[in-house]
N, C-alpha and C. Protein backbone atom coordinates (compact mmCIF):
# COMPACT_ATOMS: atom_id res chain seq x y z
N MET A 1 97.67 110.73 95.89
CA MET A 1 97.36 111.90 96.68
C MET A 1 96.69 112.94 95.80
N ALA A 2 95.74 113.60 96.36
CA ALA A 2 94.98 114.59 95.61
C ALA A 2 95.77 115.87 95.45
N THR A 3 95.49 116.56 94.36
CA THR A 3 96.08 117.87 94.15
C THR A 3 94.96 118.89 94.04
N GLY A 4 95.30 120.13 94.32
CA GLY A 4 94.30 121.18 94.26
C GLY A 4 94.16 121.74 92.85
N PHE A 5 93.15 122.55 92.64
CA PHE A 5 92.94 123.21 91.36
C PHE A 5 93.90 124.38 91.24
N GLY A 6 94.34 124.64 90.02
CA GLY A 6 95.19 125.79 89.78
C GLY A 6 94.38 127.08 89.82
N PHE A 7 95.04 128.18 90.14
CA PHE A 7 94.38 129.47 90.10
C PHE A 7 95.25 130.41 89.28
N PRO A 8 94.76 131.04 88.26
CA PRO A 8 93.38 130.94 87.81
C PRO A 8 93.08 129.55 87.27
N PHE A 9 91.81 129.19 87.33
CA PHE A 9 91.35 127.88 86.90
C PHE A 9 91.75 127.66 85.45
N GLY A 10 92.28 126.48 85.15
CA GLY A 10 92.72 126.20 83.79
C GLY A 10 92.43 124.78 83.36
N VAL A 11 92.65 124.54 82.08
CA VAL A 11 92.43 123.23 81.49
C VAL A 11 93.77 122.74 80.95
N ASN A 12 94.10 121.47 81.20
CA ASN A 12 95.35 120.92 80.70
C ASN A 12 95.18 120.49 79.24
N PRO A 13 96.25 120.12 78.54
CA PRO A 13 96.16 119.75 77.12
C PRO A 13 95.21 118.58 76.84
N ALA A 14 95.00 117.71 77.81
CA ALA A 14 94.11 116.56 77.61
C ALA A 14 92.65 116.93 77.82
N GLY A 15 92.38 118.17 78.20
CA GLY A 15 91.02 118.61 78.43
C GLY A 15 90.55 118.47 79.86
N GLY A 16 91.44 118.04 80.74
CA GLY A 16 91.09 117.91 82.16
C GLY A 16 91.40 119.18 82.93
N ILE A 17 91.15 119.14 84.21
CA ILE A 17 91.40 120.29 85.08
C ILE A 17 92.89 120.37 85.37
N ALA A 18 93.46 121.54 85.18
CA ALA A 18 94.89 121.74 85.43
C ALA A 18 95.13 121.78 86.93
N PRO A 19 96.09 120.98 87.43
CA PRO A 19 96.37 121.00 88.87
C PRO A 19 97.12 122.26 89.27
N ASP A 20 97.14 122.51 90.56
CA ASP A 20 97.86 123.65 91.11
C ASP A 20 99.36 123.40 90.94
N PRO A 21 100.08 124.28 90.23
CA PRO A 21 101.51 124.06 90.05
C PRO A 21 102.30 124.20 91.35
N ASP A 22 101.79 124.96 92.30
CA ASP A 22 102.48 125.14 93.58
C ASP A 22 101.74 124.36 94.65
N ASP A 23 102.11 123.11 94.80
CA ASP A 23 101.43 122.23 95.75
C ASP A 23 101.77 122.59 97.20
N ASN A 24 102.84 123.39 97.41
CA ASN A 24 103.20 123.80 98.77
C ASN A 24 102.11 124.65 99.40
N THR A 25 101.51 125.54 98.63
CA THR A 25 100.47 126.39 99.20
C THR A 25 99.24 125.58 99.56
N ASP A 26 98.97 124.52 98.81
CA ASP A 26 97.83 123.65 99.11
C ASP A 26 98.04 122.95 100.46
N LEU A 27 99.22 122.40 100.68
CA LEU A 27 99.50 121.71 101.93
C LEU A 27 99.56 122.69 103.10
N ARG A 28 100.13 123.86 102.89
CA ARG A 28 100.14 124.88 103.95
C ARG A 28 98.73 125.29 104.32
N GLY A 29 97.87 125.42 103.33
CA GLY A 29 96.47 125.75 103.60
C GLY A 29 95.78 124.68 104.42
N LYS A 30 96.09 123.42 104.13
CA LYS A 30 95.51 122.33 104.91
C LYS A 30 95.99 122.36 106.35
N ILE A 31 97.27 122.66 106.55
CA ILE A 31 97.81 122.75 107.91
C ILE A 31 97.10 123.85 108.68
N ILE A 32 96.98 125.01 108.08
CA ILE A 32 96.32 126.13 108.74
C ILE A 32 94.86 125.81 109.01
N GLN A 33 94.23 125.09 108.09
CA GLN A 33 92.83 124.70 108.29
C GLN A 33 92.69 123.78 109.50
N VAL A 34 93.60 122.84 109.67
CA VAL A 34 93.55 121.96 110.84
C VAL A 34 93.77 122.77 112.11
N LEU A 35 94.73 123.69 112.09
CA LEU A 35 95.06 124.44 113.30
C LEU A 35 93.95 125.39 113.73
N PHE A 36 93.25 125.99 112.78
CA PHE A 36 92.24 126.98 113.13
C PHE A 36 90.82 126.43 113.19
N THR A 37 90.65 125.13 113.03
CA THR A 37 89.32 124.53 113.14
C THR A 37 89.17 123.91 114.52
N ALA A 38 88.09 124.23 115.18
CA ALA A 38 87.81 123.68 116.51
C ALA A 38 87.04 122.37 116.37
N PRO A 39 87.37 121.37 117.19
CA PRO A 39 86.57 120.15 117.17
C PRO A 39 85.10 120.47 117.43
N GLY A 40 84.23 119.83 116.64
CA GLY A 40 82.80 120.10 116.74
C GLY A 40 82.32 121.14 115.76
N GLU A 41 83.23 121.84 115.11
CA GLU A 41 82.87 122.88 114.17
C GLU A 41 82.35 122.30 112.85
N ARG A 42 82.83 121.14 112.48
CA ARG A 42 82.37 120.48 111.25
C ARG A 42 81.33 119.43 111.61
N VAL A 43 80.20 119.50 110.96
CA VAL A 43 79.10 118.59 111.27
C VAL A 43 79.44 117.15 110.92
N ASN A 44 80.02 116.93 109.75
CA ASN A 44 80.30 115.57 109.30
C ASN A 44 81.59 115.00 109.85
N GLN A 45 82.46 115.83 110.40
CA GLN A 45 83.70 115.38 111.03
C GLN A 45 83.85 116.11 112.36
N PRO A 46 83.09 115.71 113.37
CA PRO A 46 83.09 116.47 114.62
C PRO A 46 84.41 116.43 115.39
N GLU A 47 85.29 115.48 115.09
CA GLU A 47 86.57 115.41 115.79
C GLU A 47 87.68 116.16 115.06
N PHE A 48 87.39 116.65 113.85
CA PHE A 48 88.40 117.34 113.05
C PHE A 48 88.83 118.64 113.72
N GLY A 49 90.11 118.92 113.68
CA GLY A 49 90.63 120.18 114.19
C GLY A 49 91.66 119.97 115.28
N CYS A 50 92.07 121.08 115.85
CA CYS A 50 93.16 121.07 116.82
C CYS A 50 92.72 121.51 118.21
N GLY A 51 91.70 122.32 118.30
CA GLY A 51 91.21 122.75 119.60
C GLY A 51 92.01 123.85 120.27
N LEU A 52 92.78 124.59 119.49
CA LEU A 52 93.61 125.64 120.08
C LEU A 52 92.79 126.79 120.65
N PHE A 53 91.64 127.06 120.05
CA PHE A 53 90.83 128.17 120.53
C PHE A 53 90.16 127.86 121.87
N ASN A 54 90.18 126.60 122.29
CA ASN A 54 89.68 126.25 123.62
C ASN A 54 90.63 126.74 124.71
N LEU A 55 91.85 127.07 124.33
CA LEU A 55 92.86 127.51 125.29
C LEU A 55 92.98 129.03 125.37
N VAL A 56 92.09 129.75 124.71
CA VAL A 56 92.23 131.19 124.59
C VAL A 56 92.20 131.92 125.93
N PHE A 57 91.51 131.39 126.92
CA PHE A 57 91.44 132.07 128.21
C PHE A 57 92.38 131.47 129.25
N ASP A 58 93.19 130.50 128.86
CA ASP A 58 94.17 129.92 129.77
C ASP A 58 95.37 130.86 129.89
N PRO A 59 96.13 130.74 130.99
CA PRO A 59 97.31 131.60 131.14
C PRO A 59 98.34 131.32 130.04
N ASN A 60 98.93 132.37 129.53
CA ASN A 60 99.92 132.24 128.47
C ASN A 60 101.29 132.05 129.10
N ASN A 61 101.68 130.80 129.28
CA ASN A 61 102.96 130.49 129.91
C ASN A 61 103.58 129.27 129.23
N THR A 62 104.69 128.81 129.76
CA THR A 62 105.41 127.70 129.13
C THR A 62 104.63 126.39 129.22
N ILE A 63 103.82 126.22 130.24
CA ILE A 63 103.02 125.00 130.36
C ILE A 63 101.99 124.95 129.24
N MET A 64 101.33 126.07 128.98
CA MET A 64 100.36 126.09 127.89
C MET A 64 101.07 125.92 126.55
N ALA A 65 102.24 126.51 126.39
CA ALA A 65 102.99 126.35 125.14
C ALA A 65 103.32 124.89 124.88
N ALA A 66 103.69 124.16 125.92
CA ALA A 66 103.97 122.72 125.77
C ALA A 66 102.70 121.95 125.40
N ALA A 67 101.58 122.32 126.00
CA ALA A 67 100.30 121.66 125.66
C ALA A 67 99.91 121.94 124.21
N VAL A 68 100.15 123.15 123.75
CA VAL A 68 99.84 123.52 122.37
C VAL A 68 100.75 122.75 121.40
N GLU A 69 102.04 122.63 121.73
CA GLU A 69 102.96 121.85 120.90
C GLU A 69 102.45 120.43 120.73
N PHE A 70 102.05 119.80 121.83
CA PHE A 70 101.55 118.44 121.78
C PHE A 70 100.27 118.36 120.95
N SER A 71 99.37 119.28 121.18
CA SER A 71 98.09 119.29 120.47
C SER A 71 98.27 119.47 118.96
N ILE A 72 99.15 120.37 118.57
CA ILE A 72 99.41 120.60 117.14
C ILE A 72 100.01 119.35 116.51
N GLY A 73 101.01 118.78 117.15
CA GLY A 73 101.65 117.58 116.61
C GLY A 73 100.68 116.43 116.43
N GLN A 74 99.83 116.21 117.44
CA GLN A 74 98.84 115.13 117.37
C GLN A 74 97.82 115.38 116.27
N ALA A 75 97.31 116.59 116.17
CA ALA A 75 96.28 116.90 115.18
C ALA A 75 96.82 116.78 113.75
N LEU A 76 98.02 117.30 113.51
CA LEU A 76 98.57 117.21 112.17
C LEU A 76 98.90 115.78 111.78
N THR A 77 99.39 115.00 112.72
CA THR A 77 99.67 113.60 112.44
C THR A 77 98.39 112.83 112.15
N ARG A 78 97.34 113.12 112.90
CA ARG A 78 96.08 112.42 112.70
C ARG A 78 95.41 112.79 111.38
N TRP A 79 95.31 114.07 111.09
CA TRP A 79 94.52 114.51 109.94
C TRP A 79 95.31 114.65 108.65
N LEU A 80 96.60 114.86 108.73
CA LEU A 80 97.41 115.04 107.51
C LEU A 80 98.58 114.06 107.44
N GLY A 81 98.52 113.00 108.23
CA GLY A 81 99.62 112.04 108.30
C GLY A 81 99.93 111.34 107.00
N ASP A 82 98.98 111.26 106.08
CA ASP A 82 99.25 110.63 104.79
C ASP A 82 99.95 111.58 103.82
N GLU A 83 100.00 112.87 104.14
CA GLU A 83 100.64 113.85 103.27
C GLU A 83 101.94 114.43 103.84
N LEU A 84 102.13 114.35 105.15
CA LEU A 84 103.32 114.93 105.75
C LEU A 84 103.76 114.16 106.98
N VAL A 85 105.01 114.37 107.35
CA VAL A 85 105.56 113.86 108.60
C VAL A 85 105.96 115.08 109.42
N VAL A 86 105.41 115.19 110.61
CA VAL A 86 105.74 116.33 111.46
C VAL A 86 107.15 116.14 112.00
N GLY A 87 108.03 117.09 111.66
CA GLY A 87 109.41 117.02 112.11
C GLY A 87 109.60 117.64 113.48
N GLY A 88 108.79 118.62 113.79
CA GLY A 88 108.88 119.27 115.08
C GLY A 88 107.92 120.44 115.16
N VAL A 89 107.50 120.72 116.36
CA VAL A 89 106.62 121.84 116.62
C VAL A 89 107.26 122.67 117.72
N ASP A 90 107.45 123.95 117.46
CA ASP A 90 108.02 124.86 118.45
C ASP A 90 107.02 125.98 118.70
N VAL A 91 106.59 126.10 119.95
CA VAL A 91 105.62 127.14 120.32
C VAL A 91 106.27 128.05 121.35
N GLN A 92 106.20 129.35 121.10
CA GLN A 92 106.75 130.34 122.03
C GLN A 92 105.63 131.24 122.51
N ALA A 93 105.56 131.41 123.82
CA ALA A 93 104.57 132.30 124.43
C ALA A 93 105.17 133.70 124.47
N ARG A 94 104.48 134.66 123.85
CA ARG A 94 104.93 136.06 123.83
C ARG A 94 103.78 136.93 124.28
N GLU A 95 103.93 137.61 125.35
CA GLU A 95 102.94 138.53 125.91
C GLU A 95 101.52 138.03 125.72
N GLU A 96 100.78 138.58 124.76
CA GLU A 96 99.38 138.18 124.58
C GLU A 96 99.19 137.24 123.39
N SER A 97 100.26 136.68 122.84
CA SER A 97 100.11 135.81 121.68
C SER A 97 101.02 134.59 121.78
N LEU A 98 100.73 133.63 120.93
CA LEU A 98 101.58 132.45 120.77
C LEU A 98 102.09 132.42 119.34
N VAL A 99 103.32 132.00 119.17
CA VAL A 99 103.88 131.81 117.84
C VAL A 99 104.24 130.34 117.72
N ALA A 100 103.61 129.67 116.77
CA ALA A 100 103.86 128.24 116.55
C ALA A 100 104.57 128.06 115.23
N GLU A 101 105.66 127.32 115.25
CA GLU A 101 106.37 126.98 114.02
C GLU A 101 106.36 125.47 113.87
N VAL A 102 105.85 125.02 112.75
CA VAL A 102 105.73 123.59 112.47
C VAL A 102 106.69 123.24 111.35
N ALA A 103 107.64 122.36 111.64
CA ALA A 103 108.54 121.84 110.62
C ALA A 103 108.01 120.48 110.19
N TYR A 104 107.97 120.27 108.89
CA TYR A 104 107.42 119.01 108.39
C TYR A 104 108.13 118.59 107.11
N VAL A 105 107.95 117.33 106.76
CA VAL A 105 108.50 116.77 105.53
C VAL A 105 107.32 116.30 104.68
N ARG A 106 107.24 116.80 103.46
CA ARG A 106 106.18 116.34 102.54
C ARG A 106 106.50 114.93 102.09
N ARG A 107 105.55 114.05 102.20
CA ARG A 107 105.76 112.66 101.80
C ARG A 107 105.94 112.51 100.29
N ARG A 108 105.33 113.38 99.51
CA ARG A 108 105.37 113.26 98.05
C ARG A 108 106.78 113.34 97.51
N ASP A 109 107.55 114.33 97.96
CA ASP A 109 108.89 114.51 97.42
C ASP A 109 109.97 114.61 98.49
N LEU A 110 109.61 114.35 99.74
CA LEU A 110 110.52 114.38 100.89
C LEU A 110 111.21 115.72 101.06
N SER A 111 110.54 116.79 100.67
CA SER A 111 111.10 118.13 100.87
C SER A 111 110.73 118.64 102.26
N ARG A 112 111.66 119.33 102.87
CA ARG A 112 111.43 119.90 104.20
C ARG A 112 110.81 121.28 104.05
N GLN A 113 109.76 121.52 104.84
CA GLN A 113 109.04 122.79 104.80
C GLN A 113 108.77 123.24 106.23
N ALA A 114 108.34 124.46 106.38
CA ALA A 114 107.96 124.98 107.70
C ALA A 114 106.83 125.99 107.54
N VAL A 115 105.99 126.04 108.54
CA VAL A 115 104.89 127.00 108.58
C VAL A 115 104.94 127.69 109.93
N ARG A 116 104.80 129.01 109.92
CA ARG A 116 104.76 129.78 111.17
C ARG A 116 103.38 130.43 111.28
N VAL A 117 102.75 130.24 112.44
CA VAL A 117 101.41 130.75 112.67
C VAL A 117 101.40 131.55 113.96
N HIS A 118 100.78 132.73 113.93
CA HIS A 118 100.64 133.58 115.11
C HIS A 118 99.21 133.47 115.62
N PHE A 119 99.06 133.14 116.90
CA PHE A 119 97.75 133.10 117.55
C PHE A 119 97.66 134.30 118.47
N ARG A 120 96.65 135.13 118.27
CA ARG A 120 96.48 136.32 119.11
C ARG A 120 95.17 136.29 119.82
């Protein structure tokens, strides 16, 4: 599995590129990238993304929250399935926003993590 570059950029003792010591932020960034990318937005990967912004004008209710839960789970499994196992997705509709919480297990070390994202 690939690792990200460390910030600030550094060199390891062997003269190679030093990896990111906090791999959690790298995986969280990938999750957010999948969630906020619309299919068709990437030229070379037109199916990449989750399509949540296609629902922006739909009514904010429990039916849409269930559809978003399904969409998030499917997208993360498809695009990041080699790095994580989706443990659960909980989406709550609140007035003019959605709050999505994704629980997942990192395959590398089997640690449980969670990401919370607000869609407004």
